[in-house]
Amino acid sequence: MYRPFLVITVISLALMVLAVIIATVILFTTESHIYAFDFYFLWSYTFPLIVSIWLYSIVYRAYKFVQQIEEQKNGGQYGQNVKQYQQNANAKVI
């Protein structure tokens, strides 16, 4: 796995957790938290969750795309198996 994608994934998950913690603090420190519960729940819990899942899906698709390009460069899985077989055959001959 490429490190930039791992870093972006970890950062997005950390931001999601941080958003939930901040939303919880805001929710329970406001005086009218009973009346404001729906608003804070919608915008402080679900919106960051949806955005982080969306960002994570973009990162995952980009990772899969780059992985597919790298595999095509190497000749795909079949090409890698053939290369490994040829290397093994050459090693046995020598």
C-alpha atoms as a PDB file:
ATOM      1  CA  MET A   1       0.000   0.000   0.000  1.00  0.00           C
ATOM      2  CA  TYR A   2       1.260   3.447  -0.846  1.00  0.00           C
ATOM      3  CA  ARG A   3       2.088   5.590   2.151  1.00  0.00           C
ATOM      4  CA  PRO A   4       0.291   8.765   1.004  1.00  0.00           C
ATOM      5  CA  PHE A   5      -2.996   6.866   0.775  1.00  0.00           C
ATOM      6  CA  LEU A   6      -2.430   5.342   4.196  1.00  0.00           C
ATOM      7  CA  VAL A   7      -1.664   8.769   5.649  1.00  0.00           C
ATOM      8  CA  ILE A   8      -4.754  10.335   4.038  1.00  0.00           C
ATOM      9  CA  THR A   9      -6.909   7.470   5.322  1.00  0.00           C
ATOM     10  CA  VAL A  10      -5.586   7.807   8.867  1.00  0.00           C
ATOM     11  CA  ILE A  11      -5.994  11.599   8.787  1.00  0.00           C
ATOM     12  CA  SER A  12      -9.581  11.383   7.483  1.00  0.00           C
ATOM     13  CA  LEU A  13     -10.543   8.835  10.146  1.00  0.00           C
ATOM     14  CA  ALA A  14      -8.878  10.966  12.851  1.00  0.00           C
ATOM     15  CA  LEU A  15     -10.775  14.041  11.651  1.00  0.00           C
ATOM     16  CA  MET A  16     -14.020  12.083  11.762  1.00  0.00           C
ATOM     17  CA  VAL A  17     -13.360  11.039  15.367  1.00  0.00           C
ATOM     18  CA  LEU A  18     -12.367  14.608  16.274  1.00  0.00           C
ATOM     19  CA  ALA A  19     -15.567  15.967  14.685  1.00  0.00           C
ATOM     20  CA  VAL A  20     -17.683  13.545  16.709  1.00  0.00           C
ATOM     21  CA  ILE A  21     -15.873  14.513  19.937  1.00  0.00           C
ATOM     22  CA  ILE A  22     -16.302  18.241  19.243  1.00  0.00           C
ATOM     23  CA  ALA A  23     -19.950  17.714  18.329  1.00  0.00           C
ATOM     24  CA  THR A  24     -20.534  15.827  21.579  1.00  0.00           C
ATOM     25  CA  VAL A  25     -18.906  18.600  23.615  1.00  0.00           C
ATOM     26  CA  ILE A  26     -20.966  21.264  21.821  1.00  0.00           C
ATOM     27  CA  LEU A  27     -24.133  19.217  22.203  1.00  0.00           C
ATOM     28  CA  PHE A  28     -23.844  18.711  25.951  1.00  0.00           C
ATOM     29  CA  THR A  29     -22.425  22.116  26.876  1.00  0.00           C
ATOM     30  CA  THR A  30     -25.162  24.217  25.285  1.00  0.00           C
ATOM     31  CA  GLU A  31     -27.943  25.262  27.629  1.00  0.00           C
ATOM     32  CA  SER A  32     -30.776  24.448  25.246  1.00  0.00           C
ATOM     33  CA  HIS A  33     -29.369  21.115  24.173  1.00  0.00           C
ATOM     34  CA  ILE A  34     -32.809  19.497  24.197  1.00  0.00           C
ATOM     35  CA  TYR A  35     -34.151  21.913  21.572  1.00  0.00           C
ATOM     36  CA  ALA A  36     -30.911  22.064  19.620  1.00  0.00           C
ATOM     37  CA  PHE A  37     -30.422  18.289  19.632  1.00  0.00           C
ATOM     38  CA  ASP A  38     -31.822  17.727  16.128  1.00  0.00           C
ATOM     39  CA  PHE A  39     -29.746  20.499  14.574  1.00  0.00           C
ATOM     40  CA  TYR A  40     -26.513  19.494  16.268  1.00  0.00           C
ATOM     41  CA  PHE A  41     -27.106  15.843  15.576  1.00  0.00           C
ATOM     42  CA  LEU A  42     -27.705  16.440  11.883  1.00  0.00           C
ATOM     43  CA  TRP A  43     -24.836  18.839  11.250  1.00  0.00           C
ATOM     44  CA  SER A  44     -22.325  17.735  13.841  1.00  0.00           C
ATOM     45  CA  TYR A  45     -22.623  13.975  13.567  1.00  0.00           C
ATOM     46  CA  THR A  46     -24.001  13.000  10.188  1.00  0.00           C
ATOM     47  CA  PHE A  47     -22.454  15.671   7.976  1.00  0.00           C
ATOM     48  CA  PRO A  48     -18.802  15.006   9.007  1.00  0.00           C
ATOM     49  CA  LEU A  49     -19.505  11.291   8.826  1.00  0.00           C
ATOM     50  CA  ILE A  50     -20.884  11.560   5.291  1.00  0.00           C
ATOM     51  CA  VAL A  51     -18.026  13.826   4.182  1.00  0.00           C
ATOM     52  CA  SER A  52     -15.367  11.559   5.680  1.00  0.00           C
ATOM     53  CA  ILE A  53     -16.909   8.453   4.079  1.00  0.00           C
ATOM     54  CA  TRP A  54     -17.043  10.310   0.766  1.00  0.00           C
ATOM     55  CA  LEU A  55     -13.391  11.379   1.066  1.00  0.00           C
ATOM     56  CA  TYR A  56     -12.401   7.871   2.086  1.00  0.00           C
ATOM     57  CA  SER A  57     -14.169   6.414  -0.949  1.00  0.00           C
ATOM     58  CA  ILE A  58     -12.341   8.870  -3.231  1.00  0.00           C
ATOM     59  CA  VAL A  59      -9.003   7.930  -1.654  1.00  0.00           C
ATOM     60  CA  TYR A  60      -9.817   4.224  -1.956  1.00  0.00           C
ATOM     61  CA  ARG A  61     -10.782   4.588  -5.624  1.00  0.00           C
ATOM     62  CA  ALA A  62      -7.587   6.526  -6.321  1.00  0.00           C
ATOM     63  CA  TYR A  63      -5.555   3.829  -4.563  1.00  0.00           C
ATOM     64  CA  LYS A  64      -7.222   1.082  -6.592  1.00  0.00           C
ATOM     65  CA  PHE A  65      -6.669   3.070  -9.804  1.00  0.00           C
ATOM     66  CA  VAL A  66      -2.957   3.521  -9.094  1.00  0.00           C
ATOM     67  CA  GLN A  67      -2.681  -0.140  -8.116  1.00  0.00           C
ATOM     68  CA  GLN A  68      -4.315  -1.140 -11.417  1.00  0.00           C
ATOM     69  CA  ILE A  69      -1.893   1.056 -13.389  1.00  0.00           C
ATOM     70  CA  GLU A  70       1.077  -0.464 -11.551  1.00  0.00           C
ATOM     71  CA  GLU A  71      -0.242  -3.947 -12.262  1.00  0.00           C
ATOM     72  CA  GLN A  72      -0.638  -3.133 -15.957  1.00  0.00           C
ATOM     73  CA  LYS A  73       2.953  -1.863 -16.027  1.00  0.00           C
ATOM     74  CA  ASN A  74       4.133  -5.174 -14.642  1.00  0.00           C
ATOM     75  CA  GLY A  75       2.087  -7.128 -17.154  1.00  0.00           C
ATOM     76  CA  GLY A  76      -0.726  -7.933 -14.764  1.00  0.00           C
ATOM     77  CA  GLN A  77      -0.890 -10.923 -12.457  1.00  0.00           C
ATOM     78  CA  TYR A  78      -0.255 -13.325 -15.323  1.00  0.00           C
ATOM     79  CA  GLY A  79       2.836 -11.379 -16.380  1.00  0.00           C
ATOM     80  CA  GLN A  80       4.190 -11.442 -12.830  1.00  0.00           C
ATOM     81  CA  ASN A  81       3.665 -15.214 -12.645  1.00  0.00           C
ATOM     82  CA  VAL A  82       5.464 -15.690 -15.970  1.00  0.00           C
ATOM     83  CA  LYS A  83       8.365 -13.496 -14.840  1.00  0.00           C
ATOM     84  CA  GLN A  84       8.648 -15.422 -11.582  1.00  0.00           C
ATOM     85  CA  TYR A  85       8.546 -18.723 -13.474  1.00  0.00           C
ATOM     86  CA  GLN A  86      11.285 -17.542 -15.824  1.00  0.00           C
ATOM     87  CA  GLN A  87      13.417 -16.379 -12.904  1.00  0.00           C
ATOM     88  CA  ASN A  88      12.968 -19.738 -11.191  1.00  0.00           C
ATOM     89  CA  ALA A  89      13.821 -21.582 -14.408  1.00  0.00           C
ATOM     90  CA  ASN A  90      16.944 -19.468 -14.945  1.00  0.00           C
ATOM     91  CA  ALA A  91      17.993 -20.000 -11.342  1.00  0.00           C
ATOM     92  CA  LYS A  92      17.691 -23.765 -11.740  1.00  0.00           C
ATOM     93  CA  VAL A  93      19.702 -23.775 -14.977  1.00  0.00           C
ATOM     94  CA  ILE A  94      22.554 -21.821 -13.432  1.00  0.00           C
END
